[in-house]
Protein backbone atom coordinates (compact mmCIF):
# COMPACT_ATOMS: atom_id res chain seq x y z
CA MET A 1 -19.81 6.66 -17.89
CA LEU A 2 -17.80 8.81 -19.88
CA ASP A 3 -18.27 12.41 -19.32
CA ARG A 4 -15.27 14.55 -20.65
CA GLN A 5 -13.52 15.09 -24.04
CA PRO A 6 -10.31 16.52 -24.72
CA GLU A 7 -10.40 20.12 -24.97
CA ASP A 8 -7.99 23.16 -25.92
CA LEU A 9 -4.89 23.45 -23.69
CA GLU A 10 -4.29 27.15 -23.97
CA SER A 11 -7.59 27.75 -22.15
CA HIS A 12 -6.73 26.30 -18.95
CA PRO A 13 -3.71 28.07 -17.39
CA SER A 14 -1.99 25.63 -14.88
CA PRO A 15 -1.76 26.35 -11.42
CA ALA A 16 1.72 27.33 -10.08
CA SER A 17 3.92 24.50 -8.78
CA ASP A 18 4.88 26.48 -5.37
CA ASP A 19 1.11 25.97 -4.65
CA ILE A 20 1.59 21.97 -4.46
CA ALA A 21 1.00 22.22 -0.68
CA ALA A 22 -2.09 24.06 -0.51
CA ARG A 23 -3.74 21.97 -3.27
CA LEU A 24 -2.80 18.77 -1.16
CA SER A 25 -4.12 20.86 2.07
CA GLN A 26 -7.54 21.17 0.26
CA MET A 27 -7.67 17.33 -0.39
CA VAL A 28 -6.71 16.48 3.15
CA ARG A 29 -9.57 18.66 4.64
CA LEU A 30 -11.92 16.44 2.89
CA GLN A 31 -12.60 13.55 5.09
CA THR A 32 -12.91 10.65 2.86
CA VAL A 33 -13.51 7.92 5.42
CA ASP A 34 -16.24 5.03 4.81
CA GLY A 35 -19.31 5.53 5.62
CA GLN A 36 -19.94 8.86 4.22
CA HIS A 37 -20.86 9.71 0.54
CA GLU A 38 -20.75 13.63 -0.14
CA PRO A 39 -16.77 13.86 0.86
CA PHE A 40 -16.01 11.68 -2.06
CA ALA A 41 -18.00 12.97 -4.57
CA ALA A 42 -16.63 16.42 -3.17
CA PHE A 43 -13.05 15.03 -3.51
CA LEU A 44 -13.67 14.11 -7.85
CA ARG A 45 -14.92 17.62 -7.98
CA LEU A 46 -12.32 19.30 -6.09
CA ILE A 47 -9.33 17.43 -8.28
CA ALA A 48 -11.27 18.60 -11.48
CA GLU A 49 -11.27 22.30 -10.09
CA LEU A 50 -7.44 21.71 -9.10
CA TYR A 51 -6.21 20.71 -12.36
CA PRO A 52 -8.08 22.03 -14.98
CA ARG A 53 -5.74 20.69 -17.74
CA VAL A 54 -6.20 17.17 -16.43
CA HIS A 55 -9.97 17.81 -16.45
CA ALA A 56 -10.34 19.34 -19.96
CA ASN A 57 -7.88 16.64 -21.93
CA LEU A 58 -7.99 13.80 -20.29
CA GLU A 59 -11.21 11.49 -20.96
CA ARG A 60 -12.97 10.62 -17.66
CA GLU A 61 -14.98 7.47 -16.62
CA THR A 62 -16.37 6.92 -13.41
CA VAL A 63 -16.11 2.92 -12.32
CA THR A 64 -18.75 1.92 -9.69
CA ASP A 65 -19.26 5.09 -7.48
CA ARG A 66 -15.82 5.12 -5.91
CA GLY A 67 -13.45 4.94 -8.90
CA LEU A 68 -12.58 7.46 -11.37
CA LEU A 69 -10.63 6.10 -14.55
CA LEU A 70 -8.63 8.87 -16.68
CA HIS A 71 -7.07 8.03 -19.78
CA TRP A 72 -4.44 10.26 -21.79
CA ARG A 73 -4.16 9.38 -25.08
CA GLY A 74 -0.78 8.94 -26.58
CA SER A 75 1.26 9.52 -29.99
CA GLN A 76 1.42 5.28 -30.56
CA PRO A 77 -1.99 3.88 -29.23
CA ALA A 78 -1.04 0.44 -30.83
CA GLU A 79 1.50 0.67 -27.98
CA SER A 80 0.51 -0.87 -24.72
CA PRO A 81 -0.63 1.53 -22.09
CA VAL A 82 0.60 2.85 -18.81
CA VAL A 83 -1.43 2.87 -15.30
CA LEU A 84 -0.55 5.03 -12.74
CA MET A 85 -2.45 4.59 -9.28
CA ALA A 86 -3.54 5.81 -6.43
CA HIS A 87 -6.57 6.51 -3.84
CA PHE A 88 -8.20 8.81 -2.18
CA ASP A 89 -10.14 7.07 0.82
CA VAL A 90 -8.50 7.42 4.03
CA VAL A 91 -8.77 5.44 7.67
CA PRO A 92 -10.42 7.40 10.28
CA ALA A 93 -8.21 9.57 12.50
CA PHE A 94 -9.08 11.67 15.94
CA GLU A 95 -7.80 14.95 17.41
CA ALA A 96 -8.12 13.31 20.65
CA ASP A 97 -5.30 10.44 19.62
CA GLY A 98 -2.79 13.40 20.14
CA TRP A 99 -2.35 14.94 16.94
CA THR A 100 -0.16 18.02 16.75
CA HIS A 101 -2.29 19.47 13.68
CA PRO A 102 -6.19 18.22 13.75
CA PRO A 103 -5.66 15.56 10.97
CA PHE A 104 -8.11 16.68 8.77
CA ASP A 105 -7.25 20.37 8.91
CA GLY A 106 -4.63 20.22 6.24
CA ILE A 107 -2.09 22.40 7.59
CA VAL A 108 1.16 23.56 6.18
CA SER A 109 3.67 23.95 8.50
CA ASP A 110 7.52 23.04 9.31
CA GLY A 111 7.90 22.46 6.01
CA SER A 112 5.38 19.72 5.54
CA VAL A 113 1.79 19.06 4.98
CA TRP A 114 0.15 17.64 7.91
CA GLY A 115 -3.19 15.62 8.16
CA ARG A 116 -4.57 11.97 7.48
CA GLY A 117 -4.07 10.66 3.65
CA THR A 118 -0.48 13.03 3.23
CA LEU A 119 1.20 9.75 2.89
CA ASP A 120 -1.58 7.28 2.33
CA ASP A 121 -2.37 7.99 -0.23
CA LYS A 122 -3.53 11.71 -1.47
CA GLY A 123 -0.16 12.77 -1.51
CA PRO A 124 1.19 10.26 -4.17
CA LEU A 125 -2.36 11.20 -6.08
CA CYS A 126 -1.37 14.72 -5.92
CA VAL A 127 1.96 14.21 -7.22
CA ILE A 128 0.83 12.19 -9.91
CA LEU A 129 -1.62 14.93 -11.09
CA GLU A 130 0.90 17.54 -10.52
CA ALA A 131 3.02 15.88 -13.32
CA VAL A 132 0.45 15.37 -15.92
CA GLU A 133 -0.86 18.99 -15.75
CA SER A 134 2.50 20.48 -16.03
CA LEU A 135 3.26 18.27 -18.93
CA LEU A 136 -0.05 19.14 -20.48
CA GLY A 137 0.98 22.63 -20.01
CA GLU A 138 4.35 22.01 -22.42
CA ALA A 139 1.85 20.46 -24.71
CA PHE A 140 3.86 17.08 -24.10
CA THR A 141 2.13 14.04 -25.51
CA PRO A 142 3.37 10.36 -24.37
CA GLN A 143 4.35 7.97 -26.37
CA ARG A 144 1.95 5.23 -24.92
CA ASP A 145 -1.44 5.79 -23.88
CA VAL A 146 -1.30 6.35 -19.96
CA TYR A 147 -4.26 5.96 -17.54
CA LEU A 148 -4.68 7.34 -14.00
CA TRP A 149 -6.95 5.19 -11.77
CA PHE A 150 -8.08 6.77 -8.55
CA GLY A 151 -9.90 4.22 -6.33
CA GLY A 152 -12.29 5.20 -3.07
CA ASP A 153 -12.20 2.08 -1.39
CA GLU A 154 -8.66 0.44 -0.99
CA GLU A 155 -9.09 0.64 2.68
CA THR A 156 -12.55 -1.15 2.91
CA GLY A 157 -12.17 -3.91 0.09
CA SER A 158 -11.00 -2.31 -3.13
CA ALA A 159 -14.33 -3.24 -5.13
CA ALA A 160 -13.47 -0.12 -7.28
CA ALA A 161 -10.13 -1.20 -8.43
CA THR A 162 -11.48 -4.86 -8.94
CA ALA A 163 -14.15 -3.70 -11.17
CA ALA A 164 -11.40 -1.49 -13.03
CA ALA A 165 -9.30 -4.27 -13.86
CA ALA A 166 -12.09 -6.42 -14.88
CA LEU A 167 -13.06 -3.56 -17.31
CA PHE A 168 -9.50 -3.46 -18.65
CA ARG A 169 -9.49 -7.24 -18.99
CA GLU A 170 -12.96 -6.89 -20.90
CA ARG A 171 -11.51 -4.29 -23.26
CA GLY A 172 -8.48 -6.37 -23.92
CA VAL A 173 -5.96 -3.91 -22.62
CA THR A 174 -3.02 -5.23 -20.92
CA PRO A 175 -0.77 -2.88 -19.32
CA TRP A 176 3.06 -2.46 -20.36
CA LEU A 177 3.49 -1.07 -16.80
CA VAL A 178 1.19 -0.51 -13.72
CA LEU A 179 2.39 1.87 -10.86
CA ASP A 180 0.73 2.01 -7.74
CA GLU A 181 1.31 2.68 -3.93
CA GLY A 182 3.75 0.38 -2.02
CA GLY A 183 7.45 1.37 -1.82
CA ALA A 184 8.97 4.71 -0.75
CA VAL A 185 12.30 6.40 -0.51
CA VAL A 186 13.49 5.61 3.14
CA ASP A 187 16.81 6.38 4.90
CA ALA A 188 17.62 3.10 5.93
CA PRO A 189 15.68 -0.09 5.00
CA LEU A 190 16.93 -2.23 7.68
CA PRO A 191 18.63 -1.80 10.40
CA PHE A 192 22.03 -2.92 8.82
CA ILE A 193 21.34 -1.38 5.71
CA ASP A 194 22.07 2.56 6.63
CA VAL A 195 21.76 4.09 3.18
CA PRO A 196 18.96 6.07 1.49
CA ALA A 197 16.95 3.89 -0.89
CA ALA A 198 14.23 4.08 -3.39
CA MET A 199 12.20 0.76 -2.60
CA ILE A 200 10.24 -0.71 -5.28
CA GLY A 201 7.53 -3.18 -4.78
CA VAL A 202 7.49 -5.93 -7.00
CA GLY A 203 4.61 -7.62 -5.55
CA GLU A 204 2.64 -7.80 -2.24
CA LYS A 205 2.29 -10.42 0.32
CA GLY A 206 -1.44 -12.10 0.56
CA SER A 207 -3.90 -11.74 3.84
CA VAL A 208 -6.56 -13.62 5.39
CA ASN A 209 -8.37 -13.02 8.47
CA ILE A 210 -8.76 -16.07 10.42
CA VAL A 211 -11.67 -15.99 12.91
CA LEU A 212 -11.39 -18.76 15.92
CA GLU A 213 -14.60 -19.36 17.68
CA ALA A 214 -15.65 -21.40 20.36
CA SER A 215 -19.01 -22.21 22.23
CA GLY A 216 -20.04 -23.42 25.74
CA ASP A 217 -22.63 -23.57 28.21
CA ALA A 218 -23.46 -20.09 29.74
CA GLY A 219 -23.95 -20.01 33.59
CA HIS A 220 -23.44 -18.45 37.07
CA ALA A 221 -19.37 -17.35 36.88
CA SER A 222 -19.14 -19.03 40.74
CA ALA A 223 -19.54 -22.61 39.33
CA PRO A 224 -17.03 -22.65 36.19
CA SER A 225 -16.79 -26.52 34.83
CA GLY A 226 -14.08 -27.20 32.50
CA LEU A 227 -12.61 -24.62 30.16
CA THR A 228 -14.93 -21.77 29.22
CA PRO A 229 -14.89 -20.44 25.32
CA THR A 230 -13.30 -17.47 26.89
CA ALA A 231 -10.23 -19.48 28.26
CA ARG A 232 -10.12 -21.98 25.16
CA ILE A 233 -9.70 -19.21 22.84
CA ALA A 234 -7.11 -17.56 24.88
CA ARG A 235 -5.12 -20.90 25.01
CA ALA A 236 -5.63 -21.11 21.28
CA VAL A 237 -4.28 -17.72 20.80
CA SER A 238 -1.53 -18.29 22.78
CA ARG A 239 -0.42 -21.66 20.90
CA VAL A 240 -0.75 -20.24 17.98
CA GLU A 241 1.42 -16.87 18.57
CA ARG A 242 4.04 -19.25 20.19
CA ARG A 243 4.41 -21.28 16.75
CA PRO A 244 5.22 -18.61 14.35
CA PHE A 245 5.38 -19.60 10.50
CA PRO A 246 8.77 -20.72 9.29
CA ALA A 247 11.21 -18.18 7.76
CA ARG A 248 12.43 -18.18 4.22
CA LEU A 249 14.59 -16.09 2.16
CA PRO A 250 12.53 -14.83 -1.08
CA ARG A 251 14.09 -14.25 -4.39
CA VAL A 252 13.52 -10.46 -4.03
CA ALA A 253 15.26 -10.35 -0.86
CA ARG A 254 18.34 -11.76 -2.05
CA GLU A 255 18.15 -9.23 -4.75
CA MET A 256 17.73 -6.44 -2.48
CA PHE A 257 20.74 -7.43 -0.67
CA ALA A 258 22.94 -7.79 -3.72
CA THR A 259 21.61 -4.09 -4.91
CA PHE A 260 22.74 -2.71 -1.41
CA LEU A 261 26.21 -4.65 -1.12
CA PRO A 262 28.23 -2.05 -3.39
CA HIS A 263 27.22 0.80 -1.29
CA ALA A 264 27.53 -0.78 2.26
CA GLU A 265 30.28 -0.08 4.74
CA GLY A 266 31.92 -1.71 7.82
CA SER A 267 29.76 -3.65 9.75
CA GLY A 268 26.90 -3.47 7.24
CA LYS A 269 28.76 -4.71 4.27
CA VAL A 270 29.97 -7.53 6.47
CA ALA A 271 26.65 -8.25 7.46
CA LEU A 272 25.35 -8.19 3.98
CA GLU A 273 28.06 -10.18 2.60
CA ALA A 274 27.15 -13.11 5.15
CA LEU A 275 23.51 -12.65 4.44
CA THR A 276 23.83 -13.11 0.83
CA ARG A 277 25.97 -16.41 1.22
CA ALA A 278 23.73 -18.22 3.66
CA PRO A 279 19.65 -17.64 2.74
CA LEU A 280 18.67 -20.20 5.37
CA LEU A 281 20.37 -18.42 8.22
CA THR A 282 19.67 -15.07 6.76
CA ALA A 283 16.00 -15.89 6.87
CA GLN A 284 16.18 -17.06 10.54
CA ALA A 285 18.54 -14.09 11.48
CA LEU A 286 16.04 -11.63 9.90
CA ALA A 287 12.81 -13.39 11.79
CA ARG A 288 14.50 -12.89 15.02
CA LEU A 289 14.91 -8.96 14.28
CA GLY A 290 10.96 -8.73 14.08
CA GLY A 291 8.96 -5.71 12.47
CA ASP A 292 9.85 -5.04 8.95
CA ALA A 293 12.76 -7.61 8.82
CA ALA A 294 10.74 -10.50 9.61
CA ALA A 295 7.72 -9.66 7.85
CA ILE A 296 9.95 -10.00 4.45
CA VAL A 297 10.95 -13.69 5.84
CA ARG A 298 8.09 -15.02 6.97
CA THR A 299 4.18 -14.84 7.03
CA THR A 300 3.06 -12.65 10.06
CA LEU A 301 0.16 -13.09 12.36
CA ALA A 302 -1.20 -10.44 14.82
CA THR A 303 -4.32 -11.04 17.15
CA THR A 304 -6.48 -7.87 16.16
CA ARG A 305 -9.81 -8.94 17.99
CA LEU A 306 -11.06 -10.92 21.06
CA ALA A 307 -14.43 -11.23 22.15
CA GLY A 308 -16.46 -12.88 24.70
CA GLY A 309 -18.40 -12.45 27.55
CA SER A 310 -21.43 -10.47 28.39
CA ALA A 311 -21.03 -9.60 32.15
CA ASP A 312 -18.42 -10.08 34.77
CA ASN A 313 -19.71 -12.81 36.49
CA VAL A 314 -21.72 -14.78 33.82
CA LEU A 315 -20.07 -17.66 32.21
CA PRO A 316 -20.04 -16.78 28.40
CA ALA A 317 -21.63 -19.03 25.67
CA SER A 318 -19.45 -18.29 23.19
CA ALA A 319 -16.05 -16.46 22.42
CA ASN A 320 -13.75 -15.20 19.15
CA ALA A 321 -10.50 -14.19 18.27
CA THR A 322 -9.74 -12.83 14.64
CA LEU A 323 -6.26 -13.36 13.89
CA ASN A 324 -4.67 -11.19 10.81
CA CYS A 325 -2.39 -13.05 8.96
CA ARG A 326 -0.09 -11.75 6.01
CA ILE A 327 0.90 -14.36 3.48
CA ALA A 328 4.56 -14.94 2.26
CA PRO A 329 5.40 -15.36 -1.31
CA GLY A 330 5.45 -19.24 -1.63
CA GLU A 331 2.72 -19.76 1.11
CA SER A 332 -0.88 -19.58 0.10
CA VAL A 333 -4.22 -18.80 2.36
CA ALA A 334 -4.64 -23.09 2.69
CA THR A 335 -1.30 -23.29 4.01
CA THR A 336 -1.80 -20.45 6.49
CA VAL A 337 -5.55 -22.07 7.96
CA ARG A 338 -3.36 -25.33 8.14
CA HIS A 339 -0.71 -24.10 9.98
CA VAL A 340 -3.00 -22.20 12.58
CA ARG A 341 -5.26 -25.60 12.63
CA ARG A 342 -2.28 -27.49 13.74
CA ALA A 343 -0.55 -24.74 16.17
CA ILE A 344 -4.24 -24.58 18.04
CA ARG A 345 -4.45 -28.61 18.51
CA ASP A 346 -8.07 -28.05 19.43
CA ARG A 347 -10.92 -29.70 18.11
CA ASP A 348 -13.69 -27.63 19.73
CA VAL A 349 -12.06 -24.20 18.41
CA ARG A 350 -14.01 -23.60 15.00
CA ILE A 351 -12.04 -21.79 12.34
CA ARG A 352 -13.43 -19.75 9.81
CA ILE A 353 -11.86 -17.22 7.19
CA THR A 354 -12.87 -13.76 6.06
CA ASP A 355 -11.35 -11.71 2.95
CA PRO A 356 -8.96 -14.05 1.55
CA ASN A 357 -6.20 -12.68 -0.90
CA GLU A 358 -3.22 -14.90 -2.05
CA PRO A 359 0.08 -13.59 -2.59
CA THR A 360 0.84 -11.88 -5.67
CA GLU A 361 3.31 -12.84 -8.11
CA LEU A 362 6.55 -11.12 -8.49
CA ALA A 363 7.36 -8.76 -11.29
CA PRO A 364 10.63 -9.06 -12.81
CA THR A 365 13.50 -6.68 -12.18
CA ASP A 366 15.67 -7.33 -15.33
CA ASN A 367 13.22 -5.41 -17.88
CA THR A 368 12.80 -1.79 -18.93
CA GLN A 369 10.01 -0.98 -16.71
CA PHE A 370 12.01 -1.59 -13.65
CA GLN A 371 14.90 0.01 -14.97
CA LEU A 372 12.73 3.02 -15.96
CA LEU A 373 11.54 3.16 -12.68
CA SER A 374 15.05 3.14 -11.26
CA THR A 375 16.05 6.15 -13.69
CA ALA A 376 13.18 7.91 -12.47
CA ALA A 377 13.71 7.41 -8.84
CA ARG A 378 17.34 8.49 -9.18
CA ALA A 379 16.41 11.75 -11.13
CA ALA A 380 13.97 12.75 -8.19
CA TYR A 381 16.38 11.37 -5.23
CA PRO A 382 19.82 11.28 -6.60
CA ASP A 383 20.93 9.43 -3.40
CA ALA A 384 18.93 7.08 -3.22
CA ILE A 385 19.45 3.43 -4.41
CA PRO A 386 16.84 1.78 -6.15
CA ALA A 387 16.14 -1.72 -4.82
CA PRO A 388 12.91 -4.19 -5.13
CA TYR A 389 11.39 -5.49 -2.09
CA ILE A 390 8.10 -7.15 -1.27
CA THR A 391 5.23 -5.02 -0.19
CA LEU A 392 4.09 -6.02 2.91
CA ALA A 393 0.61 -4.47 2.98
CA ALA A 394 -2.18 -5.06 0.61
CA THR A 395 -2.67 -2.61 -2.72
CA ASP A 396 -4.93 -2.16 -5.16
CA ALA A 397 -2.70 -3.05 -7.76
CA LYS A 398 -2.63 -6.81 -6.84
CA HIS A 399 -5.97 -6.63 -9.15
CA PHE A 400 -4.02 -5.55 -12.01
CA GLN A 401 -1.00 -7.81 -11.26
CA ARG A 402 -3.26 -10.86 -12.06
CA PHE A 403 -2.94 -10.16 -15.70
CA THR A 404 -0.02 -7.52 -15.75
CA PRO A 405 3.22 -8.92 -15.12
CA ALA A 406 4.73 -5.98 -14.71
CA THR A 407 3.03 -4.22 -11.76
CA TYR A 408 5.15 -2.38 -9.15
CA ARG A 409 4.49 -0.48 -6.16
CA PHE A 410 6.37 2.74 -5.42
CA ALA A 411 5.05 6.05 -3.95
CA PRO A 412 7.98 8.81 -4.71
CA LEU A 413 7.78 10.28 -1.27
CA ALA A 414 10.38 10.31 1.15
CA MET A 415 9.68 8.67 4.50
CA ASP A 416 11.81 8.15 7.56
CA ALA A 417 10.79 5.81 10.45
CA VAL A 418 8.55 8.37 12.03
CA GLN A 419 6.37 9.23 9.07
CA ARG A 420 6.18 5.35 8.25
CA ALA A 421 4.94 4.92 11.41
CA SER A 422 2.10 7.83 11.01
CA ILE A 423 0.41 5.77 8.33
CA HIS A 424 -2.74 4.85 9.97
CA GLY A 425 -1.29 6.50 13.08
CA VAL A 426 -0.88 10.08 14.55
CA ASP A 427 1.01 12.94 12.90
CA GLU A 428 0.81 11.90 9.47
CA ARG A 429 2.87 14.22 7.13
CA VAL A 430 4.86 14.87 3.84
CA SER A 431 7.67 17.28 3.30
CA ILE A 432 6.79 19.91 0.63
CA ALA A 433 10.08 19.22 -0.76
CA SER A 434 9.26 15.64 -0.96
CA LEU A 435 6.17 15.99 -3.20
CA HIS A 436 8.37 18.26 -5.46
CA ALA A 437 10.08 15.47 -5.87
CA GLY A 438 7.70 13.00 -6.20
CA LYS A 439 6.18 15.12 -9.27
CA HIS A 440 9.74 15.52 -10.84
CA PHE A 441 9.61 11.59 -10.91
CA HIS A 442 6.55 11.18 -12.71
CA GLU A 443 7.48 13.64 -15.23
CA THR A 444 10.41 11.81 -15.68
CA LEU A 445 8.75 8.52 -15.99
CA LEU A 446 6.08 9.81 -18.18
CA ARG A 447 8.61 11.50 -20.73
CA SER A 448 10.98 7.96 -20.56
CA VAL A 449 7.76 5.70 -21.58
């Protein structure tokens, strides 16, 4: 539904850039958590109020009840467009979990904005709007058309982004560049790489939930016979977790190491040189490190749910477990399920899957688009080394990458290890300085494309 057409720039003064923290704070206060309706509608009204030039000059189209598509027409509309993406839904948060400041109060303190969504993903959304509002204030017109896509259900299925991608395909529009959340500016991307880095995601791992189920005869717990369903599921989980997926070093990891090598010193340089010479040994070494390092080189599996039984003294009739798998490039949903089935070695454990997503293709790093992203990152964060990597979590961008090769994932905000751990966790916050740098990144990028 198209409900807004461009109007005169001069009649809508842009808000002062010093208030960027205040504007993000207002966004955080709206609890855009799945299961509610009004906060989502209120959020779309809020950004129209906070960014009057954007609201007045970009064509506005709703896609499903959770998506907003804004179209900024360029001076050369025959050129393929740019799509900047972010989402405004957030996962739940509770003050009782130990937050320093209430998660939905949007407190500005100690040089940061605190609250759920400041990093994932209202902060990245905010700096896109800040940049466009500022450029409109200069009467700037991009060469290419620019679309802003803001989704409201990324955390719960991405139906809106799926519909938006389908809309582009129906209209025969193939973007020249798509940029979504994913990477960030980090202080040390891996334990042996101790340099600031702008990690630009060139693809993302796939995902699937594998549900293990077992049944048996219910009865009194005083007379068990054979494996109960709970014991059978427990054994299956133990077996699959003792048999990790094979480790392989993908192309993007080799490119990442090569990027950092000229900037490394001391033991870090020695480690990187060794890693670039022996891909198989490198993959095995990274797998042993665990965490992000292991996730780069293999499909990961985490048991996220266990259920079975209704009382302490009753044999359960059924039990189940859910394994959340993140699938590495080169693997697939089918190979992941096959690996789990072989690891379990029990025909009495049934397997079904939910929410399957194959890994995406990898975007190129030798093209103009990646170079422009790297240049913009360097302009905003002069000390950070732009480097490609594989995004470990799922994003809305996967729906666009299926028909747009130049799809990347980079939120231009600085995040140390504590901040990265706060995403979906406790005390999520973003520094005000980082918000200004993120705005500068998008201004630089939009001028260059």
